[in-house]
Amino acid sequence: MVALTDLDPRINDEVRIKPSNDVIEWQLAGEGQNTWLRGIMTKEEVEKITQLLTKNKDLFAWTTEDMRGINPRVMSHKLFVCREARPVAQKKRRMGKEKRMATTKEVQK
């Protein structure tokens, strides 16, 4: 049986793979359409990869308009909410300085 803590990606940060510092930013198409390549590749490898990416640049989706023809069920998110449920206003959660100030005022009373 798997515990929920085993599935939580925020736990065990030390075992995550860290990004490499030796990357090269490469502009694939227009302005702002960049990708990154590893900096430790040989010139031949970089040339092959850039040719492949340039040849297939129409496969990249930079905006939702670039994804025409994709069934919306594949790329949309729906919340399953019980239609009979009444909306409930949640209590305001105080964070940081607000929380400390509220606690101080309660203690002073």
C-alpha atoms as a PDB file:
ATOM      1  CA  MET A   1       0.000   0.000   0.000  1.00  0.00           C
ATOM      2  CA  VAL A   2       1.266   3.483  -0.919  1.00  0.00           C
ATOM      3  CA  ALA A   3       1.052   6.303   1.615  1.00  0.00           C
ATOM      4  CA  LEU A   4      -0.106   9.734   0.452  1.00  0.00           C
ATOM      5  CA  THR A   5       3.194  11.192   1.631  1.00  0.00           C
ATOM      6  CA  ASP A   6       4.958   8.993  -0.936  1.00  0.00           C
ATOM      7  CA  LEU A   7       2.936  10.644  -3.714  1.00  0.00           C
ATOM      8  CA  ASP A   8       3.413  14.236  -2.566  1.00  0.00           C
ATOM      9  CA  PRO A   9       6.057  15.874  -4.811  1.00  0.00           C
ATOM     10  CA  ARG A  10       6.802  18.545  -2.179  1.00  0.00           C
ATOM     11  CA  ILE A  11       8.286  15.991   0.185  1.00  0.00           C
ATOM     12  CA  ASN A  12      11.879  14.724  -0.137  1.00  0.00           C
ATOM     13  CA  ASP A  13      13.191  17.778  -2.011  1.00  0.00           C
ATOM     14  CA  GLU A  14      16.751  16.524  -1.695  1.00  0.00           C
ATOM     15  CA  VAL A  15      16.133  13.643  -4.135  1.00  0.00           C
ATOM     16  CA  ARG A  16      14.879  15.877  -6.952  1.00  0.00           C
ATOM     17  CA  ILE A  17      17.001  16.381 -10.011  1.00  0.00           C
ATOM     18  CA  LYS A  18      18.453  19.879 -10.095  1.00  0.00           C
ATOM     19  CA  PRO A  19      18.647  21.786 -13.407  1.00  0.00           C
ATOM     20  CA  SER A  20      22.041  22.076 -14.953  1.00  0.00           C
ATOM     21  CA  ASN A  21      23.729  25.462 -15.043  1.00  0.00           C
ATOM     22  CA  ASP A  22      25.346  24.789 -18.394  1.00  0.00           C
ATOM     23  CA  VAL A  23      22.449  25.466 -20.750  1.00  0.00           C
ATOM     24  CA  ILE A  24      22.271  27.517 -23.929  1.00  0.00           C
ATOM     25  CA  GLU A  25      19.135  29.479 -24.773  1.00  0.00           C
ATOM     26  CA  TRP A  26      18.197  29.008 -28.413  1.00  0.00           C
ATOM     27  CA  GLN A  27      15.499  30.888 -30.351  1.00  0.00           C
ATOM     28  CA  LEU A  28      13.411  28.384 -32.286  1.00  0.00           C
ATOM     29  CA  ALA A  29      10.915  30.595 -34.074  1.00  0.00           C
ATOM     30  CA  GLY A  30       9.707  34.130 -33.334  1.00  0.00           C
ATOM     31  CA  GLU A  31      10.342  36.437 -30.412  1.00  0.00           C
ATOM     32  CA  GLY A  32       9.802  34.694 -27.071  1.00  0.00           C
ATOM     33  CA  GLN A  33       9.742  31.224 -28.632  1.00  0.00           C
ATOM     34  CA  ASN A  34      12.923  29.919 -27.087  1.00  0.00           C
ATOM     35  CA  THR A  35      14.100  26.578 -25.883  1.00  0.00           C
ATOM     36  CA  TRP A  36      17.200  25.510 -23.991  1.00  0.00           C
ATOM     37  CA  LEU A  37      19.954  23.117 -24.993  1.00  0.00           C
ATOM     38  CA  ARG A  38      22.603  21.490 -22.832  1.00  0.00           C
ATOM     39  CA  GLY A  39      25.879  23.357 -23.082  1.00  0.00           C
ATOM     40  CA  ILE A  40      28.084  20.258 -22.865  1.00  0.00           C
ATOM     41  CA  MET A  41      27.065  18.892 -26.288  1.00  0.00           C
ATOM     42  CA  THR A  42      29.452  18.790 -29.201  1.00  0.00           C
ATOM     43  CA  LYS A  43      28.947  21.160 -32.128  1.00  0.00           C
ATOM     44  CA  GLU A  44      27.728  18.247 -34.256  1.00  0.00           C
ATOM     45  CA  GLU A  45      25.100  17.287 -31.658  1.00  0.00           C
ATOM     46  CA  VAL A  46      23.906  20.884 -31.368  1.00  0.00           C
ATOM     47  CA  GLU A  47      23.676  21.167 -35.159  1.00  0.00           C
ATOM     48  CA  LYS A  48      21.657  17.927 -35.450  1.00  0.00           C
ATOM     49  CA  ILE A  49      19.257  18.934 -32.679  1.00  0.00           C
ATOM     50  CA  THR A  50      18.735  22.461 -34.005  1.00  0.00           C
ATOM     51  CA  GLN A  51      18.040  21.078 -37.500  1.00  0.00           C
ATOM     52  CA  LEU A  52      15.525  18.602 -36.071  1.00  0.00           C
ATOM     53  CA  LEU A  53      13.789  21.278 -33.970  1.00  0.00           C
ATOM     54  CA  THR A  54      13.682  23.743 -36.876  1.00  0.00           C
ATOM     55  CA  LYS A  55      12.263  21.068 -39.183  1.00  0.00           C
ATOM     56  CA  ASN A  56       9.513  20.263 -36.630  1.00  0.00           C
ATOM     57  CA  LYS A  57       8.864  23.749 -35.203  1.00  0.00           C
ATOM     58  CA  ASP A  58       5.222  23.550 -36.306  1.00  0.00           C
ATOM     59  CA  LEU A  59       4.718  20.845 -33.642  1.00  0.00           C
ATOM     60  CA  PHE A  60       5.352  23.295 -30.792  1.00  0.00           C
ATOM     61  CA  ALA A  61       2.330  25.012 -29.232  1.00  0.00           C
ATOM     62  CA  TRP A  62       3.294  28.408 -27.857  1.00  0.00           C
ATOM     63  CA  THR A  63      -0.287  29.582 -27.287  1.00  0.00           C
ATOM     64  CA  THR A  64      -3.711  27.940 -27.097  1.00  0.00           C
ATOM     65  CA  GLU A  65      -4.424  29.227 -30.630  1.00  0.00           C
ATOM     66  CA  ASP A  66      -1.572  27.016 -31.846  1.00  0.00           C
ATOM     67  CA  MET A  67      -3.481  23.937 -30.663  1.00  0.00           C
ATOM     68  CA  ARG A  68      -6.367  24.043 -33.142  1.00  0.00           C
ATOM     69  CA  GLY A  69      -8.002  20.728 -33.852  1.00  0.00           C
ATOM     70  CA  ILE A  70      -7.311  19.287 -30.410  1.00  0.00           C
ATOM     71  CA  ASN A  71     -10.407  17.982 -28.685  1.00  0.00           C
ATOM     72  CA  PRO A  72     -11.222  20.335 -25.749  1.00  0.00           C
ATOM     73  CA  ARG A  73     -11.734  17.308 -23.483  1.00  0.00           C
ATOM     74  CA  VAL A  74      -8.005  16.662 -23.780  1.00  0.00           C
ATOM     75  CA  MET A  75      -6.831  20.149 -22.818  1.00  0.00           C
ATOM     76  CA  SER A  76      -9.571  21.557 -20.604  1.00  0.00           C
ATOM     77  CA  HIS A  77     -10.104  21.253 -16.892  1.00  0.00           C
ATOM     78  CA  LYS A  78     -13.473  20.822 -15.257  1.00  0.00           C
ATOM     79  CA  LEU A  79     -14.360  20.983 -11.597  1.00  0.00           C
ATOM     80  CA  PHE A  80     -16.820  18.351 -10.490  1.00  0.00           C
ATOM     81  CA  VAL A  81     -19.069  20.199  -8.077  1.00  0.00           C
ATOM     82  CA  CYS A  82     -22.367  18.994  -6.705  1.00  0.00           C
ATOM     83  CA  ARG A  83     -25.037  21.236  -8.245  1.00  0.00           C
ATOM     84  CA  GLU A  84     -27.226  20.953  -5.142  1.00  0.00           C
ATOM     85  CA  ALA A  85     -24.481  22.213  -2.809  1.00  0.00           C
ATOM     86  CA  ARG A  86     -24.881  25.716  -1.390  1.00  0.00           C
ATOM     87  CA  PRO A  87     -21.940  28.091  -1.737  1.00  0.00           C
ATOM     88  CA  VAL A  88     -20.251  28.777   1.590  1.00  0.00           C
ATOM     89  CA  ALA A  89     -18.039  31.784   2.321  1.00  0.00           C
ATOM     90  CA  GLN A  90     -14.850  30.647   3.984  1.00  0.00           C
ATOM     91  CA  LYS A  91     -13.330  32.428   6.957  1.00  0.00           C
ATOM     92  CA  LYS A  92     -10.529  34.807   5.948  1.00  0.00           C
ATOM     93  CA  ARG A  93      -7.125  33.295   6.561  1.00  0.00           C
ATOM     94  CA  ARG A  94      -4.596  35.743   7.933  1.00  0.00           C
ATOM     95  CA  MET A  95      -1.040  35.370   6.750  1.00  0.00           C
ATOM     96  CA  GLY A  96       2.275  36.679   7.974  1.00  0.00           C
ATOM     97  CA  LYS A  97       2.123  40.158   9.510  1.00  0.00           C
ATOM     98  CA  GLU A  98      -1.712  40.202   9.585  1.00  0.00           C
ATOM     99  CA  LYS A  99      -1.696  37.012  11.656  1.00  0.00           C
ATOM    100  CA  ARG A 100       0.843  38.345  14.155  1.00  0.00           C
ATOM    101  CA  MET A 101      -1.064  41.633  14.530  1.00  0.00           C
ATOM    102  CA  ALA A 102      -4.392  39.837  15.108  1.00  0.00           C
ATOM    103  CA  THR A 103      -2.825  37.574  17.721  1.00  0.00           C
ATOM    104  CA  THR A 104      -1.275  40.574  19.510  1.00  0.00           C
ATOM    105  CA  LYS A 105      -4.649  42.388  19.611  1.00  0.00           C
ATOM    106  CA  GLU A 106      -6.353  39.290  21.058  1.00  0.00           C
ATOM    107  CA  VAL A 107      -3.708  38.997  23.776  1.00  0.00           C
ATOM    108  CA  GLN A 108      -4.084  42.689  24.696  1.00  0.00           C
ATOM    109  CA  LYS A 109      -7.844  42.288  25.291  1.00  0.00           C
END
